[in-house]
PDB file of N, CA and C in Angstrom:
ATOM      1  N   MET A   1      28.763 -95.081 118.027  1.00  0.00           N
ATOM      2  CA  MET A   1      27.948 -94.797 117.368  1.00  0.00           C
ATOM      3  C   MET A   1      27.221 -93.589 117.050  1.00  0.00           C
ATOM      4  N   TYR A   2      26.856 -93.178 116.170  1.00  0.00           N
ATOM      5  CA  TYR A   2      26.131 -92.342 116.187  1.00  0.00           C
ATOM      6  C   TYR A   2      24.517 -92.737 114.317  1.00  0.00           C
ATOM      7  N   MET A   3      23.456 -92.007 115.047  1.00  0.00           N
ATOM      8  CA  MET A   3      22.337 -92.012 114.052  1.00  0.00           C
ATOM      9  C   MET A   3      21.817 -90.596 114.288  1.00  0.00           C
ATOM     10  N   PRO A   4      21.666 -89.991 112.971  1.00  0.00           N
ATOM     11  CA  PRO A   4      20.856 -88.902 112.929  1.00  0.00           C
ATOM     12  C   PRO A   4      19.523 -89.212 113.786  1.00  0.00           C
ATOM     13  N   SER A   5      19.005 -87.719 114.400  1.00  0.00           N
ATOM     14  CA  SER A   5      17.578 -88.610 115.103  1.00  0.00           C
ATOM     15  C   SER A   5      17.410 -86.469 115.185  1.00  0.00           C
ATOM     16  N   LYS A   6      15.826 -86.571 115.403  1.00  0.00           N
ATOM     17  CA  LYS A   6      15.602 -84.941 116.148  1.00  0.00           C
ATOM     18  C   LYS A   6      15.845 -84.087 117.267  1.00  0.00           C
ATOM     19  N   GLU A   7      15.761 -85.346 117.740  1.00  0.00           N
ATOM     20  CA  GLU A   7      16.631 -84.978 119.376  1.00  0.00           C
ATOM     21  C   GLU A   7      17.527 -85.771 119.656  1.00  0.00           C
ATOM     22  N   ARG A   8      17.960 -85.100 121.348  1.00  0.00           N
ATOM     23  CA  ARG A   8      19.627 -85.558 121.332  1.00  0.00           C
ATOM     24  C   ARG A   8      19.752 -86.932 122.145  1.00  0.00           C
ATOM     25  N   MET A   9      20.099 -87.824 122.198  1.00  0.00           N
ATOM     26  CA  MET A   9      19.770 -89.399 122.339  1.00  0.00           C
ATOM     27  C   MET A   9      21.144 -90.256 123.328  1.00  0.00           C
ATOM     28  N   VAL A  10      21.183 -90.535 124.182  1.00  0.00           N
ATOM     29  CA  VAL A  10      22.178 -91.639 124.557  1.00  0.00           C
ATOM     30  C   VAL A  10      22.058 -92.941 124.627  1.00  0.00           C
ATOM     31  N   GLY A  11      22.827 -93.999 124.626  1.00  0.00           N
ATOM     32  CA  GLY A  11      23.003 -95.359 125.110  1.00  0.00           C
ATOM     33  C   GLY A  11      24.126 -95.238 125.478  1.00  0.00           C
ATOM     34  N   TYR A  12      24.363 -96.466 126.553  1.00  0.00           N
ATOM     35  CA  TYR A  12      25.683 -96.698 127.087  1.00  0.00           C
ATOM     36  C   TYR A  12      25.470 -98.675 127.484  1.00  0.00           C
ATOM     37  N   THR A  13      26.627 -98.683 126.414  1.00  0.00           N
ATOM     38  CA  THR A  13      26.958-100.238 126.801  1.00  0.00           C
ATOM     39  C   THR A  13      28.072-101.018 127.952  1.00  0.00           C
ATOM     40  N   VAL A  14      28.171-101.535 128.523  1.00  0.00           N
ATOM     41  CA  VAL A  14      29.447-101.934 129.201  1.00  0.00           C
ATOM     42  C   VAL A  14      28.992-103.344 129.364  1.00  0.00           C
ATOM     43  N   SER A  15      29.824-104.513 128.629  1.00  0.00           N
ATOM     44  CA  SER A  15      29.736-105.762 128.789  1.00  0.00           C
ATOM     45  C   SER A  15      29.691-106.439 130.078  1.00  0.00           C
ATOM     46  N   LYS A  16      29.362-107.555 130.253  1.00  0.00           N
ATOM     47  CA  LYS A  16      29.842-108.519 131.541  1.00  0.00           C
ATOM     48  C   LYS A  16      31.338-108.943 131.480  1.00  0.00           C
ATOM     49  N   LYS A  17      32.294-108.752 130.421  1.00  0.00           N
ATOM     50  CA  LYS A  17      33.388-108.967 130.048  1.00  0.00           C
ATOM     51  C   LYS A  17      34.514-107.618 130.722  1.00  0.00           C
ATOM     52  N   VAL A  18      33.508-106.978 130.888  1.00  0.00           N
ATOM     53  CA  VAL A  18      34.812-105.550 131.201  1.00  0.00           C
ATOM     54  C   VAL A  18      34.597-105.951 132.589  1.00  0.00           C
ATOM     55  N   ALA A  19      33.699-105.788 133.182  1.00  0.00           N
ATOM     56  CA  ALA A  19      33.818-106.314 134.717  1.00  0.00           C
ATOM     57  C   ALA A  19      33.232-106.553 135.489  1.00  0.00           C
ATOM     58  N   LYS A  20      33.126-106.107 136.842  1.00  0.00           N
ATOM     59  CA  LYS A  20      32.019-106.930 137.613  1.00  0.00           C
ATOM     60  C   LYS A  20      30.995-105.864 137.680  1.00  0.00           C
ATOM     61  N   ALA A  21      29.290-105.992 138.267  1.00  0.00           N
ATOM     62  CA  ALA A  21      28.563-105.265 138.094  1.00  0.00           C
ATOM     63  C   ALA A  21      29.035-103.672 139.045  1.00  0.00           C
ATOM     64  N   VAL A  22      29.401-103.534 139.738  1.00  0.00           N
ATOM     65  CA  VAL A  22      30.052-102.116 140.825  1.00  0.00           C
ATOM     66  C   VAL A  22      30.685-101.432 139.618  1.00  0.00           C
ATOM     67  N   MET A  23      31.728-102.463 138.905  1.00  0.00           N
ATOM     68  CA  MET A  23      32.651-101.394 137.999  1.00  0.00           C
ATOM     69  C   MET A  23      32.213-100.646 136.419  1.00  0.00           C
ATOM     70  N   ARG A  24      30.761-101.843 136.549  1.00  0.00           N
ATOM     71  CA  ARG A  24      29.929-101.650 135.121  1.00  0.00           C
ATOM     72  C   ARG A  24      29.035-100.487 135.764  1.00  0.00           C
ATOM     73  N   ASN A  25      28.789 -99.890 136.837  1.00  0.00           N
ATOM     74  CA  ASN A  25      27.705 -99.036 136.996  1.00  0.00           C
ATOM     75  C   ASN A  25      28.632 -98.061 136.937  1.00  0.00           C
ATOM     76  N   LYS A  26      29.944 -97.691 137.685  1.00  0.00           N
ATOM     77  CA  LYS A  26      30.760 -96.720 137.675  1.00  0.00           C
ATOM     78  C   LYS A  26      31.550 -96.003 136.806  1.00  0.00           C
ATOM     79  N   ILE A  27      31.469 -97.415 135.790  1.00  0.00           N
ATOM     80  CA  ILE A  27      31.886 -96.363 134.425  1.00  0.00           C
ATOM     81  C   ILE A  27      30.546 -96.084 133.436  1.00  0.00           C
ATOM     82  N   LYS A  28      29.266 -96.221 133.659  1.00  0.00           N
ATOM     83  CA  LYS A  28      28.263 -95.755 133.213  1.00  0.00           C
ATOM     84  C   LYS A  28      28.365 -94.653 133.596  1.00  0.00           C
ATOM     85  N   ARG A  29      28.055 -94.468 134.642  1.00  0.00           N
ATOM     86  CA  ARG A  29      28.504 -93.261 135.937  1.00  0.00           C
ATOM     87  C   ARG A  29      28.759 -92.273 135.211  1.00  0.00           C
ATOM     88  N   ARG A  30      30.106 -92.848 134.900  1.00  0.00           N
ATOM     89  CA  ARG A  30      30.973 -91.534 134.013  1.00  0.00           C
ATOM     90  C   ARG A  30      31.134 -91.296 132.630  1.00  0.00           C
ATOM     91  N   LEU A  31      30.869 -92.487 131.689  1.00  0.00           N
ATOM     92  CA  LEU A  31      30.238 -92.166 130.506  1.00  0.00           C
ATOM     93  C   LEU A  31      29.159 -91.208 130.290  1.00  0.00           C
ATOM     94  N   ARG A  32      27.847 -91.539 131.707  1.00  0.00           N
ATOM     95  CA  ARG A  32      27.019 -90.398 131.788  1.00  0.00           C
ATOM     96  C   ARG A  32      27.566 -88.983 132.246  1.00  0.00           C
ATOM     97  N   ALA A  33      28.615 -88.648 132.793  1.00  0.00           N
ATOM     98  CA  ALA A  33      29.033 -87.313 133.036  1.00  0.00           C
ATOM     99  C   ALA A  33      29.871 -86.871 131.656  1.00  0.00           C
ATOM    100  N   ILE A  34      30.335 -87.464 131.203  1.00  0.00           N
ATOM    101  CA  ILE A  34      31.346 -86.956 130.067  1.00  0.00           C
ATOM    102  C   ILE A  34      30.376 -86.844 129.234  1.00  0.00           C
ATOM    103  N   PHE A  35      28.747 -87.429 128.736  1.00  0.00           N
ATOM    104  CA  PHE A  35      28.191 -87.058 127.646  1.00  0.00           C
ATOM    105  C   PHE A  35      27.175 -85.747 128.158  1.00  0.00           C
ATOM    106  N   ARG A  36      27.066 -85.522 129.265  1.00  0.00           N
ATOM    107  CA  ARG A  36      26.189 -84.570 130.152  1.00  0.00           C
ATOM    108  C   ARG A  36      27.075 -83.288 129.467  1.00  0.00           C
ATOM    109  N   ALA A  37      28.665 -82.945 130.134  1.00  0.00           N
ATOM    110  CA  ALA A  37      29.379 -82.028 130.028  1.00  0.00           C
ATOM    111  C   ALA A  37      29.449 -81.683 128.708  1.00  0.00           C
ATOM    112  N   GLU A  38      29.916 -82.878 127.312  1.00  0.00           N
ATOM    113  CA  GLU A  38      29.822 -82.579 126.286  1.00  0.00           C
ATOM    114  C   GLU A  38      28.060 -82.519 125.305  1.00  0.00           C
ATOM    115  N   GLN A  39      27.443 -82.100 125.780  1.00  0.00           N
ATOM    116  CA  GLN A  39      26.199 -82.366 124.968  1.00  0.00           C
ATOM    117  C   GLN A  39      25.486 -81.037 124.440  1.00  0.00           C
ATOM    118  N   SER A  40      26.232 -79.869 124.837  1.00  0.00           N
ATOM    119  CA  SER A  40      25.693 -78.316 124.369  1.00  0.00           C
ATOM    120  C   SER A  40      26.473 -78.871 122.939  1.00  0.00           C
ATOM    121  N   SER A  41      27.536 -79.248 122.859  1.00  0.00           N
ATOM    122  CA  SER A  41      28.607 -79.238 121.133  1.00  0.00           C
ATOM    123  C   SER A  41      28.584 -80.466 120.421  1.00  0.00           C
ATOM    124  N   LEU A  42      27.137 -80.761 121.083  1.00  0.00           N
ATOM    125  CA  LEU A  42      26.918 -81.885 119.517  1.00  0.00           C
ATOM    126  C   LEU A  42      25.697 -81.802 119.511  1.00  0.00           C
ATOM    127  N   LYS A  43      25.551 -81.954 117.961  1.00  0.00           N
ATOM    128  CA  LYS A  43      24.830 -82.353 117.241  1.00  0.00           C
ATOM    129  C   LYS A  43      23.803 -83.201 117.624  1.00  0.00           C
ATOM    130  N   GLU A  44      22.235 -82.927 116.951  1.00  0.00           N
ATOM    131  CA  GLU A  44      21.079 -83.926 117.722  1.00  0.00           C
ATOM    132  C   GLU A  44      21.575 -84.798 116.770  1.00  0.00           C
ATOM    133  N   GLY A  45      20.748 -86.162 117.637  1.00  0.00           N
ATOM    134  CA  GLY A  45      21.195 -87.624 117.083  1.00  0.00           C
ATOM    135  C   GLY A  45      21.223 -88.367 118.248  1.00  0.00           C
ATOM    136  N   PHE A  46      21.168 -89.767 117.472  1.00  0.00           N
ATOM    137  CA  PHE A  46      20.825 -90.729 119.032  1.00  0.00           C
ATOM    138  C   PHE A  46      22.774 -91.343 118.773  1.00  0.00           C
ATOM    139  N   TYR A  47      23.630 -91.334 120.063  1.00  0.00           N
ATOM    140  CA  TYR A  47      24.755 -91.543 120.171  1.00  0.00           C
ATOM    141  C   TYR A  47      25.034 -93.365 120.872  1.00  0.00           C
ATOM    142  N   LEU A  48      25.236 -93.986 120.744  1.00  0.00           N
ATOM    143  CA  LEU A  48      26.000 -94.889 121.598  1.00  0.00           C
ATOM    144  C   LEU A  48      27.475 -95.670 122.135  1.00  0.00           C
ATOM    145  N   LEU A  49      27.229 -95.479 123.326  1.00  0.00           N
ATOM    146  CA  LEU A  49      28.828 -95.536 123.911  1.00  0.00           C
ATOM    147  C   LEU A  49      28.960 -96.525 124.201  1.00  0.00           C
ATOM    148  N   VAL A  50      30.181 -97.575 123.877  1.00  0.00           N
ATOM    149  CA  VAL A  50      30.192 -98.878 124.071  1.00  0.00           C
ATOM    150  C   VAL A  50      31.832 -98.386 125.231  1.00  0.00           C
ATOM    151  N   ALA A  51      32.035 -99.322 126.289  1.00  0.00           N
ATOM    152  CA  ALA A  51      33.089 -99.456 126.559  1.00  0.00           C
ATOM    153  C   ALA A  51      33.751-100.324 126.752  1.00  0.00           C
ATOM    154  N   LYS A  52      34.926-100.474 126.408  1.00  0.00           N
ATOM    155  CA  LYS A  52      35.872-101.477 125.972  1.00  0.00           C
ATOM    156  C   LYS A  52      36.662-101.940 127.414  1.00  0.00           C
ATOM    157  N   GLN A  53      37.460-103.073 127.246  1.00  0.00           N
ATOM    158  CA  GLN A  53      38.052-103.759 128.684  1.00  0.00           C
ATOM    159  C   GLN A  53      38.706-103.137 129.051  1.00  0.00           C
ATOM    160  N   ASN A  54      39.948-101.697 128.263  1.00  0.00           N
ATOM    161  CA  ASN A  54      40.728-101.255 129.510  1.00  0.00           C
ATOM    162  C   ASN A  54      39.752 -99.936 130.211  1.00  0.00           C
ATOM    163  N   ALA A  55      38.741 -99.388 130.142  1.00  0.00           N
ATOM    164  CA  ALA A  55      37.848 -98.772 130.732  1.00  0.00           C
ATOM    165  C   ALA A  55      37.654 -98.881 132.088  1.00  0.00           C
ATOM    166  N   SER A  56      37.451-100.285 132.634  1.00  0.00           N
ATOM    167  CA  SER A  56      37.528-100.480 133.957  1.00  0.00           C
ATOM    168  C   SER A  56      38.965-100.060 134.976  1.00  0.00           C
ATOM    169  N   SER A  57      39.663 -99.618 134.592  1.00  0.00           N
ATOM    170  CA  SER A  57      41.174 -99.403 134.839  1.00  0.00           C
ATOM    171  C   SER A  57      41.970 -98.235 134.558  1.00  0.00           C
ATOM    172  N   ALA A  58      40.952 -97.349 133.561  1.00  0.00           N
ATOM    173  CA  ALA A  58      41.441 -96.001 133.223  1.00  0.00           C
ATOM    174  C   ALA A  58      41.148 -94.966 133.941  1.00  0.00           C
ATOM    175  N   GLU A  59      41.810 -94.422 134.069  1.00  0.00           N
ATOM    176  CA  GLU A  59      41.340 -92.508 135.126  1.00  0.00           C
ATOM    177  C   GLU A  59      40.372 -92.051 134.458  1.00  0.00           C
ATOM    178  N   PHE A  60      39.285 -91.620 135.195  1.00  0.00           N
ATOM    179  CA  PHE A  60      38.583 -90.336 134.809  1.00  0.00           C
ATOM    180  C   PHE A  60      38.683 -89.642 133.731  1.00  0.00           C
ATOM    181  N   LYS A  61      40.219 -89.045 133.583  1.00  0.00           N
ATOM    182  CA  LYS A  61      40.496 -88.050 132.779  1.00  0.00           C
ATOM    183  C   LYS A  61      40.863 -88.736 131.493  1.00  0.00           C
ATOM    184  N   LYS A  62      41.529 -89.809 131.531  1.00  0.00           N
ATOM    185  CA  LYS A  62      42.044 -90.296 129.663  1.00  0.00           C
ATOM    186  C   LYS A  62      40.387 -91.118 129.691  1.00  0.00           C
ATOM    187  N   LEU A  63      39.837 -91.311 130.056  1.00  0.00           N
ATOM    188  CA  LEU A  63      38.130 -92.138 129.953  1.00  0.00           C
ATOM    189  C   LEU A  63      37.787 -90.527 129.154  1.00  0.00           C
ATOM    190  N   TYR A  64      37.603 -89.582 130.484  1.00  0.00           N
ATOM    191  CA  TYR A  64      37.156 -88.476 129.021  1.00  0.00           C
ATOM    192  C   TYR A  64      37.688 -87.881 127.545  1.00  0.00           C
ATOM    193  N   GLU A  65      38.900 -87.944 127.918  1.00  0.00           N
ATOM    194  CA  GLU A  65      39.710 -87.590 126.633  1.00  0.00           C
ATOM    195  C   GLU A  65      39.562 -88.722 125.894  1.00  0.00           C
ATOM    196  N   ASP A  66      39.264 -89.519 125.680  1.00  0.00           N
ATOM    197  CA  ASP A  66      39.082 -90.599 124.719  1.00  0.00           C
ATOM    198  C   ASP A  66      37.261 -90.515 124.241  1.00  0.00           C
ATOM    199  N   ALA A  67      36.321 -90.411 125.010  1.00  0.00           N
ATOM    200  CA  ALA A  67      35.208 -89.924 124.632  1.00  0.00           C
ATOM    201  C   ALA A  67      34.881 -88.788 123.939  1.00  0.00           C
ATOM    202  N   LYS A  68      35.647 -88.121 124.237  1.00  0.00           N
ATOM    203  CA  LYS A  68      35.278 -85.964 123.830  1.00  0.00           C
ATOM    204  C   LYS A  68      35.879 -86.729 122.532  1.00  0.00           C
ATOM    205  N   ARG A  69      37.397 -87.526 122.383  1.00  0.00           N
ATOM    206  CA  ARG A  69      37.573 -87.353 120.550  1.00  0.00           C
ATOM    207  C   ARG A  69      36.736 -88.471 119.873  1.00  0.00           C
ATOM    208  N   SER A  70      36.033 -89.277 120.650  1.00  0.00           N
ATOM    209  CA  SER A  70      35.157 -90.000 119.989  1.00  0.00           C
ATOM    210  C   SER A  70      33.794 -89.482 119.490  1.00  0.00           C
ATOM    211  N   LEU A  71      33.298 -88.239 119.990  1.00  0.00           N
ATOM    212  CA  LEU A  71      32.209 -87.408 119.960  1.00  0.00           C
ATOM    213  C   LEU A  71      32.694 -86.526 119.375  1.00  0.00           C
ATOM    214  N   THR A  72      33.586 -85.988 119.201  1.00  0.00           N
ATOM    215  CA  THR A  72      34.110 -85.503 117.944  1.00  0.00           C
ATOM    216  C   THR A  72      33.987 -85.751 116.190  1.00  0.00           C
ATOM    217  N   LEU A  73      34.442 -86.691 116.513  1.00  0.00           N
ATOM    218  CA  LEU A  73      34.523 -87.342 115.423  1.00  0.00           C
ATOM    219  C   LEU A  73      33.416 -87.522 114.667  1.00  0.00           C
ATOM    220  N   PHE A  74      32.061 -87.761 115.670  1.00  0.00           N
ATOM    221  CA  PHE A  74      30.557 -87.678 115.185  1.00  0.00           C
ATOM    222  C   PHE A  74      30.308 -86.376 114.777  1.00  0.00           C
ATOM    223  N   TYR A  75      30.294 -85.509 115.654  1.00  0.00           N
ATOM    224  CA  TYR A  75      30.524 -84.225 115.093  1.00  0.00           C
ATOM    225  C   TYR A  75      31.070 -83.762 113.959  1.00  0.00           C
ATOM    226  N   SER A  76      32.331 -84.025 113.379  1.00  0.00           N
ATOM    227  CA  SER A  76      32.849 -83.720 112.482  1.00  0.00           C
ATOM    228  C   SER A  76      32.386 -84.208 111.446  1.00  0.00           C
ATOM    229  N   GLY A  77      32.277 -85.257 111.982  1.00  0.00           N
ATOM    230  CA  GLY A  77      31.612 -86.273 110.087  1.00  0.00           C
ATOM    231  C   GLY A  77      32.697 -87.099 109.655  1.00  0.00           C
ATOM    232  N   SER A  78      33.424 -87.424 110.546  1.00  0.00           N
ATOM    233  CA  SER A  78      35.408 -88.302 109.947  1.00  0.00           C
ATOM    234  C   SER A  78      34.402 -89.394 109.783  1.00  0.00           C
TER     235      SER A  78
END
């Protein structure tokens, strides 16, 4: 999800349905790292990244590619 804003902000959501607390925290750490790496190419606004069921079993590279593709869709306005 994306909402225009005057500054760049991000929120992370990982449901209890996805995994136990340790894995949810790991997923959030990965999402934070991905956003940090890509934030210079993103426009100002509020981003909400929501992890789905398969995020707990996904490798970092796959998670990075999926998140980057999603963030690029926001940026291009598609």
